[in-house]
Amino acid sequence: MNVATFGLVFEMKKNIELIAFGYVAGMGLQHGYMEDIIVHPKFQKRGIGQALVKKLLQEAEQFGLEIVTLTYDSKHTSFYSESGFTPCSGGLWRKKD
């Protein structure tokens, strides 16, 4: 499985702090799945999330992926639309207890 992972690290004084993380997992075909896009709360609203998504999509393209999908809460629709994703419907399967 191909995986493109990118994390942003910010150095403050002598401490190193992870401020953003995300990855795209590919199945070795044309399709990949973006997941775990996370930006530390004190670094949000600075364009870091969009830069992270853009970098991940560039890496996915280099791996040969032609389609990248993701799922997200509807409150994040504008973020992902501005990042180049087209909102669409999908489905969810969940194991029954």
PDB file of N, CA and C in Angstrom:
ATOM      1  N   MET A   1       0.843  -1.167   0.000  1.00  0.00           N
ATOM      2  CA  MET A   1       0.000   0.000   0.000  1.00  0.00           C
ATOM      3  C   MET A   1       0.890   1.233   0.000  1.00  0.00           C
ATOM      4  N   ASN A   2       0.581   2.186  -0.863  1.00  0.00           N
ATOM      5  CA  ASN A   2       1.293   3.457  -0.881  1.00  0.00           C
ATOM      6  C   ASN A   2       0.660   4.399   0.127  1.00  0.00           C
ATOM      7  N   VAL A   3       1.495   5.061   0.903  1.00  0.00           N
ATOM      8  CA  VAL A   3       0.990   6.032   1.863  1.00  0.00           C
ATOM      9  C   VAL A   3       1.830   7.288   1.765  1.00  0.00           C
ATOM     10  N   ALA A   4       1.183   8.416   1.540  1.00  0.00           N
ATOM     11  CA  ALA A   4       1.862   9.712   1.570  1.00  0.00           C
ATOM     12  C   ALA A   4       1.503  10.371   2.891  1.00  0.00           C
ATOM     13  N   THR A   5       2.487  10.636   3.713  1.00  0.00           N
ATOM     14  CA  THR A   5       2.260  11.244   5.011  1.00  0.00           C
ATOM     15  C   THR A   5       3.031  12.539   5.081  1.00  0.00           C
ATOM     16  N   PHE A   6       2.416  13.551   5.635  1.00  0.00           N
ATOM     17  CA  PHE A   6       3.093  14.825   5.759  1.00  0.00           C
ATOM     18  C   PHE A   6       2.705  15.451   7.078  1.00  0.00           C
ATOM     19  N   GLY A   7       3.671  15.848   7.857  1.00  0.00           N
ATOM     20  CA  GLY A   7       3.410  16.530   9.121  1.00  0.00           C
ATOM     21  C   GLY A   7       4.161  17.841   9.140  1.00  0.00           C
ATOM     22  N   LEU A   8       3.590  18.837   9.750  1.00  0.00           N
ATOM     23  CA  LEU A   8       4.259  20.121   9.888  1.00  0.00           C
ATOM     24  C   LEU A   8       4.761  20.241  11.320  1.00  0.00           C
ATOM     25  N   VAL A   9       6.015  20.568  11.472  1.00  0.00           N
ATOM     26  CA  VAL A   9       6.608  20.697  12.798  1.00  0.00           C
ATOM     27  C   VAL A   9       7.003  22.145  13.005  1.00  0.00           C
ATOM     28  N   PHE A  10       6.686  22.659  14.161  1.00  0.00           N
ATOM     29  CA  PHE A  10       6.989  24.036  14.510  1.00  0.00           C
ATOM     30  C   PHE A  10       7.910  24.027  15.726  1.00  0.00           C
ATOM     31  N   GLU A  11       9.006  24.711  15.637  1.00  0.00           N
ATOM     32  CA  GLU A  11       9.952  24.728  16.744  1.00  0.00           C
ATOM     33  C   GLU A  11       9.748  25.989  17.569  1.00  0.00           C
ATOM     34  N   MET A  12       9.523  25.819  18.853  1.00  0.00           N
ATOM     35  CA  MET A  12       9.376  26.936  19.774  1.00  0.00           C
ATOM     36  C   MET A  12      10.450  26.795  20.851  1.00  0.00           C
ATOM     37  N   LYS A  13      11.380  27.719  20.846  1.00  0.00           N
ATOM     38  CA  LYS A  13      12.510  27.686  21.772  1.00  0.00           C
ATOM     39  C   LYS A  13      13.203  26.347  21.633  1.00  0.00           C
ATOM     40  N   LYS A  14      13.268  25.546  22.676  1.00  0.00           N
ATOM     41  CA  LYS A  14      13.949  24.255  22.599  1.00  0.00           C
ATOM     42  C   LYS A  14      12.974  23.098  22.432  1.00  0.00           C
ATOM     43  N   ASN A  15      11.695  23.407  22.370  1.00  0.00           N
ATOM     44  CA  ASN A  15      10.684  22.358  22.233  1.00  0.00           C
ATOM     45  C   ASN A  15      10.261  22.233  20.776  1.00  0.00           C
ATOM     46  N   ILE A  16      10.033  21.021  20.344  1.00  0.00           N
ATOM     47  CA  ILE A  16       9.509  20.778  19.009  1.00  0.00           C
ATOM     48  C   ILE A  16       8.082  20.275  19.186  1.00  0.00           C
ATOM     49  N   GLU A  17       7.165  20.911  18.482  1.00  0.00           N
ATOM     50  CA  GLU A  17       5.759  20.620  18.645  1.00  0.00           C
ATOM     51  C   GLU A  17       5.146  20.285  17.287  1.00  0.00           C
ATOM     52  N   LEU A  18       4.438  19.189  17.210  1.00  0.00           N
ATOM     53  CA  LEU A  18       3.711  18.837  15.995  1.00  0.00           C
ATOM     54  C   LEU A  18       2.481  19.724  15.919  1.00  0.00           C
ATOM     55  N   ILE A  19       2.342  20.482  14.832  1.00  0.00           N
ATOM     56  CA  ILE A  19       1.201  21.392  14.736  1.00  0.00           C
ATOM     57  C   ILE A  19       0.152  20.939  13.726  1.00  0.00           C
ATOM     58  N   ALA A  20       0.508  20.037  12.815  1.00  0.00           N
ATOM     59  CA  ALA A  20      -0.471  19.560  11.837  1.00  0.00           C
ATOM     60  C   ALA A  20      -0.043  18.188  11.339  1.00  0.00           C
ATOM     61  N   PHE A  21      -1.044  17.389  10.970  1.00  0.00           N
ATOM     62  CA  PHE A  21      -0.766  16.034  10.499  1.00  0.00           C
ATOM     63  C   PHE A  21      -1.885  15.602   9.572  1.00  0.00           C
ATOM     64  N   GLY A  22      -1.549  14.764   8.622  1.00  0.00           N
ATOM     65  CA  GLY A  22      -2.541  14.154   7.752  1.00  0.00           C
ATOM     66  C   GLY A  22      -1.870  13.139   6.849  1.00  0.00           C
ATOM     67  N   TYR A  23      -2.661  12.297   6.215  1.00  0.00           N
ATOM     68  CA  TYR A  23      -2.092  11.339   5.267  1.00  0.00           C
ATOM     69  C   TYR A  23      -3.101  10.936   4.206  1.00  0.00           C
ATOM     70  N   VAL A  24      -2.540  10.417   3.116  1.00  0.00           N
ATOM     71  CA  VAL A  24      -3.336   9.832   2.049  1.00  0.00           C
ATOM     72  C   VAL A  24      -2.855   8.396   1.894  1.00  0.00           C
ATOM     73  N   ALA A  25      -3.772   7.454   2.005  1.00  0.00           N
ATOM     74  CA  ALA A  25      -3.449   6.036   1.810  1.00  0.00           C
ATOM     75  C   ALA A  25      -3.944   5.635   0.431  1.00  0.00           C
ATOM     76  N   GLY A  26      -3.089   4.962  -0.326  1.00  0.00           N
ATOM     77  CA  GLY A  26      -3.465   4.492  -1.657  1.00  0.00           C
ATOM     78  C   GLY A  26      -3.464   2.986  -1.693  1.00  0.00           C
ATOM     79  N   MET A  27      -4.275   2.443  -2.532  1.00  0.00           N
ATOM     80  CA  MET A  27      -4.392   0.996  -2.652  1.00  0.00           C
ATOM     81  C   MET A  27      -3.548   0.437  -3.788  1.00  0.00           C
ATOM     82  N   GLY A  28      -2.612   1.215  -4.300  1.00  0.00           N
ATOM     83  CA  GLY A  28      -1.799   0.749  -5.414  1.00  0.00           C
ATOM     84  C   GLY A  28      -2.511   0.856  -6.742  1.00  0.00           C
ATOM     85  N   LEU A  29      -3.680   1.465  -6.735  1.00  0.00           N
ATOM     86  CA  LEU A  29      -4.443   1.642  -7.957  1.00  0.00           C
ATOM     87  C   LEU A  29      -4.487   3.130  -8.287  1.00  0.00           C
ATOM     88  N   GLN A  30      -5.625   3.611  -8.714  1.00  0.00           N
ATOM     89  CA  GLN A  30      -5.776   5.026  -9.055  1.00  0.00           C
ATOM     90  C   GLN A  30      -6.417   5.823  -7.931  1.00  0.00           C
ATOM     91  N   HIS A  31      -6.874   5.160  -6.876  1.00  0.00           N
ATOM     92  CA  HIS A  31      -7.670   5.803  -5.844  1.00  0.00           C
ATOM     93  C   HIS A  31      -6.940   5.823  -4.505  1.00  0.00           C
ATOM     94  N   GLY A  32      -7.018   6.953  -3.821  1.00  0.00           N
ATOM     95  CA  GLY A  32      -6.466   7.078  -2.480  1.00  0.00           C
ATOM     96  C   GLY A  32      -7.500   7.691  -1.552  1.00  0.00           C
ATOM     97  N   TYR A  33      -7.230   7.600  -0.254  1.00  0.00           N
ATOM     98  CA  TYR A  33      -8.149   8.113   0.745  1.00  0.00           C
ATOM     99  C   TYR A  33      -7.392   9.035   1.700  1.00  0.00           C
ATOM    100  N   MET A  34      -7.842  10.285   1.817  1.00  0.00           N
ATOM    101  CA  MET A  34      -7.228  11.246   2.724  1.00  0.00           C
ATOM    102  C   MET A  34      -7.878  11.117   4.094  1.00  0.00           C
ATOM    103  N   GLU A  35      -7.031  11.157   5.113  1.00  0.00           N
ATOM    104  CA  GLU A  35      -7.561  10.937   6.457  1.00  0.00           C
ATOM    105  C   GLU A  35      -6.751  11.706   7.492  1.00  0.00           C
ATOM    106  N   ASP A  36      -7.381  11.918   8.630  1.00  0.00           N
ATOM    107  CA  ASP A  36      -6.738  12.492   9.821  1.00  0.00           C
ATOM    108  C   ASP A  36      -6.090  13.847   9.565  1.00  0.00           C
ATOM    109  N   ILE A  37      -6.805  14.744   8.921  1.00  0.00           N
ATOM    110  CA  ILE A  37      -6.302  16.104   8.746  1.00  0.00           C
ATOM    111  C   ILE A  37      -6.536  16.827  10.068  1.00  0.00           C
ATOM    112  N   ILE A  38      -5.438  17.130  10.738  1.00  0.00           N
ATOM    113  CA  ILE A  38      -5.522  17.701  12.078  1.00  0.00           C
ATOM    114  C   ILE A  38      -4.563  18.883  12.171  1.00  0.00           C
ATOM    115  N   VAL A  39      -5.042  20.009  12.698  1.00  0.00           N
ATOM    116  CA  VAL A  39      -4.201  21.166  12.983  1.00  0.00           C
ATOM    117  C   VAL A  39      -4.406  21.512  14.455  1.00  0.00           C
ATOM    118  N   HIS A  40      -3.320  21.664  15.174  1.00  0.00           N
ATOM    119  CA  HIS A  40      -3.381  22.017  16.596  1.00  0.00           C
ATOM    120  C   HIS A  40      -4.244  23.270  16.756  1.00  0.00           C
ATOM    121  N   PRO A  41      -5.150  23.288  17.727  1.00  0.00           N
ATOM    122  CA  PRO A  41      -6.069  24.426  17.877  1.00  0.00           C
ATOM    123  C   PRO A  41      -5.398  25.799  17.923  1.00  0.00           C
ATOM    124  N   LYS A  42      -4.258  25.929  18.549  1.00  0.00           N
ATOM    125  CA  LYS A  42      -3.655  27.267  18.626  1.00  0.00           C
ATOM    126  C   LYS A  42      -3.008  27.705  17.310  1.00  0.00           C
ATOM    127  N   PHE A  43      -2.969  26.818  16.297  1.00  0.00           N
ATOM    128  CA  PHE A  43      -2.413  27.159  14.988  1.00  0.00           C
ATOM    129  C   PHE A  43      -3.474  27.158  13.889  1.00  0.00           C
ATOM    130  N   GLN A  44      -4.747  26.991  14.261  1.00  0.00           N
ATOM    131  CA  GLN A  44      -5.821  26.978  13.272  1.00  0.00           C
ATOM    132  C   GLN A  44      -6.111  28.383  12.758  1.00  0.00           C
ATOM    133  N   LYS A  45      -6.799  28.437  11.631  1.00  0.00           N
ATOM    134  CA  LYS A  45      -7.201  29.692  10.973  1.00  0.00           C
ATOM    135  C   LYS A  45      -6.005  30.498  10.475  1.00  0.00           C
ATOM    136  N   ARG A  46      -4.921  29.806  10.091  1.00  0.00           N
ATOM    137  CA  ARG A  46      -3.727  30.475   9.561  1.00  0.00           C
ATOM    138  C   ARG A  46      -3.343  29.951   8.176  1.00  0.00           C
ATOM    139  N   GLY A  47      -4.181  29.099   7.593  1.00  0.00           N
ATOM    140  CA  GLY A  47      -3.882  28.539   6.275  1.00  0.00           C
ATOM    141  C   GLY A  47      -3.036  27.284   6.321  1.00  0.00           C
ATOM    142  N   ILE A  48      -2.706  26.819   7.520  1.00  0.00           N
ATOM    143  CA  ILE A  48      -1.862  25.630   7.663  1.00  0.00           C
ATOM    144  C   ILE A  48      -2.592  24.385   7.175  1.00  0.00           C
ATOM    145  N   GLY A  49      -3.871  24.263   7.505  1.00  0.00           N
ATOM    146  CA  GLY A  49      -4.651  23.099   7.069  1.00  0.00           C
ATOM    147  C   GLY A  49      -4.738  23.013   5.556  1.00  0.00           C
ATOM    148  N   GLN A  50      -4.987  24.145   4.911  1.00  0.00           N
ATOM    149  CA  GLN A  50      -5.065  24.133   3.450  1.00  0.00           C
ATOM    150  C   GLN A  50      -3.711  23.825   2.832  1.00  0.00           C
ATOM    151  N   ALA A  51      -2.636  24.341   3.429  1.00  0.00           N
ATOM    152  CA  ALA A  51      -1.290  24.028   2.924  1.00  0.00           C
ATOM    153  C   ALA A  51      -1.004  22.541   3.076  1.00  0.00           C
ATOM    154  N   LEU A  52      -1.435  21.955   4.172  1.00  0.00           N
ATOM    155  CA  LEU A  52      -1.249  20.523   4.418  1.00  0.00           C
ATOM    156  C   LEU A  52      -2.005  19.702   3.374  1.00  0.00           C
ATOM    157  N   VAL A  53      -3.273  20.040   3.138  1.00  0.00           N
ATOM    158  CA  VAL A  53      -4.078  19.309   2.154  1.00  0.00           C
ATOM    159  C   VAL A  53      -3.452  19.447   0.760  1.00  0.00           C
ATOM    160  N   LYS A  54      -3.028  20.647   0.409  1.00  0.00           N
ATOM    161  CA  LYS A  54      -2.402  20.868  -0.898  1.00  0.00           C
ATOM    162  C   LYS A  54      -1.154  20.008  -1.056  1.00  0.00           C
ATOM    163  N   LYS A  55      -0.307  19.956  -0.033  1.00  0.00           N
ATOM    164  CA  LYS A  55       0.916  19.149  -0.092  1.00  0.00           C
ATOM    165  C   LYS A  55       0.579  17.664  -0.214  1.00  0.00           C
ATOM    166  N   LEU A  56      -0.407  17.205   0.535  1.00  0.00           N
ATOM    167  CA  LEU A  56      -0.804  15.794   0.455  1.00  0.00           C
ATOM    168  C   LEU A  56      -1.322  15.445  -0.935  1.00  0.00           C
ATOM    169  N   LEU A  57      -2.086  16.341  -1.542  1.00  0.00           N
ATOM    170  CA  LEU A  57      -2.595  16.076  -2.891  1.00  0.00           C
ATOM    171  C   LEU A  57      -1.467  16.060  -3.919  1.00  0.00           C
ATOM    172  N   GLN A  58      -0.469  16.920  -3.740  1.00  0.00           N
ATOM    173  CA  GLN A  58       0.702  16.897  -4.620  1.00  0.00           C
ATOM    174  C   GLN A  58       1.444  15.569  -4.483  1.00  0.00           C
ATOM    175  N   GLU A  59       1.628  15.114  -3.258  1.00  0.00           N
ATOM    176  CA  GLU A  59       2.303  13.833  -3.018  1.00  0.00           C
ATOM    177  C   GLU A  59       1.486  12.679  -3.600  1.00  0.00           C
ATOM    178  N   ALA A  60       0.175  12.718  -3.422  1.00  0.00           N
ATOM    179  CA  ALA A  60      -0.691  11.666  -3.963  1.00  0.00           C
ATOM    180  C   ALA A  60      -0.563  11.590  -5.480  1.00  0.00           C
ATOM    181  N   GLU A  61      -0.514  12.749  -6.106  1.00  0.00           N
ATOM    182  CA  GLU A  61      -0.361  12.787  -7.560  1.00  0.00           C
ATOM    183  C   GLU A  61       0.975  12.180  -7.983  1.00  0.00           C
ATOM    184  N   GLN A  62       2.028  12.447  -7.228  1.00  0.00           N
ATOM    185  CA  GLN A  62       3.340  11.868  -7.539  1.00  0.00           C
ATOM    186  C   GLN A  62       3.333  10.351  -7.390  1.00  0.00           C
ATOM    187  N   PHE A  63       2.501   9.830  -6.477  1.00  0.00           N
ATOM    188  CA  PHE A  63       2.373   8.386  -6.306  1.00  0.00           C
ATOM    189  C   PHE A  63       1.527   7.764  -7.410  1.00  0.00           C
ATOM    190  N   GLY A  64       0.917   8.604  -8.259  1.00  0.00           N
ATOM    191  CA  GLY A  64       0.118   8.094  -9.370  1.00  0.00           C
ATOM    192  C   GLY A  64      -1.364   8.021  -9.087  1.00  0.00           C
ATOM    193  N   LEU A  65      -1.799   8.565  -7.951  1.00  0.00           N
ATOM    194  CA  LEU A  65      -3.227   8.541  -7.650  1.00  0.00           C
ATOM    195  C   LEU A  65      -3.953   9.566  -8.505  1.00  0.00           C
ATOM    196  N   GLU A  66      -5.085   9.168  -9.056  1.00  0.00           N
ATOM    197  CA  GLU A  66      -5.886  10.056  -9.885  1.00  0.00           C
ATOM    198  C   GLU A  66      -7.136  10.532  -9.166  1.00  0.00           C
ATOM    199  N   ILE A  67      -7.529   9.822  -8.124  1.00  0.00           N
ATOM    200  CA  ILE A  67      -8.713  10.172  -7.340  1.00  0.00           C
ATOM    201  C   ILE A  67      -8.347  10.086  -5.868  1.00  0.00           C
ATOM    202  N   VAL A  68      -8.701  11.106  -5.107  1.00  0.00           N
ATOM    203  CA  VAL A  68      -8.527  11.076  -3.650  1.00  0.00           C
ATOM    204  C   VAL A  68      -9.884  11.420  -3.040  1.00  0.00           C
ATOM    205  N   THR A  69     -10.354  10.563  -2.164  1.00  0.00           N
ATOM    206  CA  THR A  69     -11.623  10.798  -1.482  1.00  0.00           C
ATOM    207  C   THR A  69     -11.383  10.976   0.008  1.00  0.00           C
ATOM    208  N   LEU A  70     -12.375  11.513   0.686  1.00  0.00           N
ATOM    209  CA  LEU A  70     -12.336  11.641   2.133  1.00  0.00           C
ATOM    210  C   LEU A  70     -13.752  11.810   2.636  1.00  0.00           C
ATOM    211  N   THR A  71     -13.930  11.608   3.912  1.00  0.00           N
ATOM    212  CA  THR A  71     -15.201  11.909   4.561  1.00  0.00           C
ATOM    213  C   THR A  71     -14.932  12.990   5.595  1.00  0.00           C
ATOM    214  N   TYR A  72     -15.957  13.821   5.822  1.00  0.00           N
ATOM    215  CA  TYR A  72     -15.795  14.903   6.784  1.00  0.00           C
ATOM    216  C   TYR A  72     -17.152  15.332   7.299  1.00  0.00           C
ATOM    217  N   ASP A  73     -17.155  15.962   8.429  1.00  0.00           N
ATOM    218  CA  ASP A  73     -18.359  16.536   9.007  1.00  0.00           C
ATOM    219  C   ASP A  73     -18.814  17.692   8.121  1.00  0.00           C
ATOM    220  N   SER A  74     -20.111  17.859   7.967  1.00  0.00           N
ATOM    221  CA  SER A  74     -20.636  18.893   7.063  1.00  0.00           C
ATOM    222  C   SER A  74     -20.168  20.299   7.438  1.00  0.00           C
ATOM    223  N   LYS A  75     -19.788  20.530   8.684  1.00  0.00           N
ATOM    224  CA  LYS A  75     -19.309  21.860   9.068  1.00  0.00           C
ATOM    225  C   LYS A  75     -17.970  22.204   8.410  1.00  0.00           C
ATOM    226  N   HIS A  76     -17.300  21.199   7.824  1.00  0.00           N
ATOM    227  CA  HIS A  76     -16.020  21.419   7.156  1.00  0.00           C
ATOM    228  C   HIS A  76     -16.144  21.468   5.632  1.00  0.00           C
ATOM    229  N   THR A  77     -17.380  21.518   5.108  1.00  0.00           N
ATOM    230  CA  THR A  77     -17.591  21.508   3.660  1.00  0.00           C
ATOM    231  C   THR A  77     -16.853  22.648   2.967  1.00  0.00           C
ATOM    232  N   SER A  78     -16.943  23.859   3.484  1.00  0.00           N
ATOM    233  CA  SER A  78     -16.293  24.987   2.799  1.00  0.00           C
ATOM    234  C   SER A  78     -14.772  24.827   2.802  1.00  0.00           C
ATOM    235  N   PHE A  79     -14.199  24.313   3.887  1.00  0.00           N
ATOM    236  CA  PHE A  79     -12.745  24.092   3.933  1.00  0.00           C
ATOM    237  C   PHE A  79     -12.308  23.155   2.814  1.00  0.00           C
ATOM    238  N   TYR A  80     -12.984  22.012   2.686  1.00  0.00           N
ATOM    239  CA  TYR A  80     -12.583  21.044   1.669  1.00  0.00           C
ATOM    240  C   TYR A  80     -12.948  21.507   0.260  1.00  0.00           C
ATOM    241  N   SER A  81     -14.033  22.241   0.106  1.00  0.00           N
ATOM    242  CA  SER A  81     -14.369  22.799  -1.209  1.00  0.00           C
ATOM    243  C   SER A  81     -13.287  23.779  -1.652  1.00  0.00           C
ATOM    244  N   GLU A  82     -12.846  24.631  -0.729  1.00  0.00           N
ATOM    245  CA  GLU A  82     -11.782  25.585  -1.034  1.00  0.00           C
ATOM    246  C   GLU A  82     -10.443  24.886  -1.286  1.00  0.00           C
ATOM    247  N   SER A  83     -10.317  23.658  -0.796  1.00  0.00           N
ATOM    248  CA  SER A  83      -9.093  22.884  -1.002  1.00  0.00           C
ATOM    249  C   SER A  83      -9.123  22.073  -2.291  1.00  0.00           C
ATOM    250  N   GLY A  84     -10.220  22.179  -3.052  1.00  0.00           N
ATOM    251  CA  GLY A  84     -10.290  21.518  -4.346  1.00  0.00           C
ATOM    252  C   GLY A  84     -11.175  20.291  -4.414  1.00  0.00           C
ATOM    253  N   PHE A  85     -11.800  19.913  -3.314  1.00  0.00           N
ATOM    254  CA  PHE A  85     -12.673  18.739  -3.313  1.00  0.00           C
ATOM    255  C   PHE A  85     -14.079  19.122  -3.757  1.00  0.00           C
ATOM    256  N   THR A  86     -14.740  18.188  -4.420  1.00  0.00           N
ATOM    257  CA  THR A  86     -16.125  18.360  -4.824  1.00  0.00           C
ATOM    258  C   THR A  86     -16.995  17.574  -3.862  1.00  0.00           C
ATOM    259  N   PRO A  87     -17.895  18.254  -3.132  1.00  0.00           N
ATOM    260  CA  PRO A  87     -18.779  17.515  -2.217  1.00  0.00           C
ATOM    261  C   PRO A  87     -19.663  16.535  -2.982  1.00  0.00           C
ATOM    262  N   CYS A  88     -19.852  15.363  -2.415  1.00  0.00           N
ATOM    263  CA  CYS A  88     -20.705  14.352  -3.033  1.00  0.00           C
ATOM    264  C   CYS A  88     -21.276  13.470  -1.932  1.00  0.00           C
ATOM    265  N   SER A  89     -22.267  12.692  -2.290  1.00  0.00           N
ATOM    266  CA  SER A  89     -22.864  11.795  -1.305  1.00  0.00           C
ATOM    267  C   SER A  89     -22.036  10.516  -1.221  1.00  0.00           C
ATOM    268  N   GLY A  90     -22.215   9.827  -0.155  1.00  0.00           N
ATOM    269  CA  GLY A  90     -21.495   8.571   0.040  1.00  0.00           C
ATOM    270  C   GLY A  90     -22.281   7.684   0.980  1.00  0.00           C
ATOM    271  N   GLY A  91     -21.638   6.668   1.446  1.00  0.00           N
ATOM    272  CA  GLY A  91     -22.296   5.742   2.362  1.00  0.00           C
ATOM    273  C   GLY A  91     -21.367   5.378   3.495  1.00  0.00           C
ATOM    274  N   LEU A  92     -21.959   4.782   4.523  1.00  0.00           N
ATOM    275  CA  LEU A  92     -21.202   4.370   5.705  1.00  0.00           C
ATOM    276  C   LEU A  92     -21.660   2.994   6.106  1.00  0.00           C
ATOM    277  N   TRP A  93     -20.740   2.101   6.326  1.00  0.00           N
ATOM    278  CA  TRP A  93     -21.039   0.784   6.879  1.00  0.00           C
ATOM    279  C   TRP A  93     -20.424   0.748   8.255  1.00  0.00           C
ATOM    280  N   ARG A  94     -21.173   0.300   9.229  1.00  0.00           N
ATOM    281  CA  ARG A  94     -20.672   0.176  10.590  1.00  0.00           C
ATOM    282  C   ARG A  94     -21.014  -1.206  11.122  1.00  0.00           C
ATOM    283  N   LYS A  95     -20.050  -1.855  11.740  1.00  0.00           N
ATOM    284  CA  LYS A  95     -20.260  -3.167  12.342  1.00  0.00           C
ATOM    285  C   LYS A  95     -21.328  -3.083  13.415  1.00  0.00           C
ATOM    286  N   LYS A  96     -22.219  -4.035  13.417  1.00  0.00           N
ATOM    287  CA  LYS A  96     -23.275  -4.077  14.437  1.00  0.00           C
ATOM    288  C   LYS A  96     -22.733  -4.774  15.678  1.00  0.00           C
ATOM    289  N   ASP A  97     -23.090  -4.225  16.814  1.00  0.00           N
ATOM    290  CA  ASP A  97     -22.642  -4.830  18.093  1.00  0.00           C
ATOM    291  C   ASP A  97     -23.344  -6.108  18.396  1.00  0.00           C
TER     292      ASP A  97
END
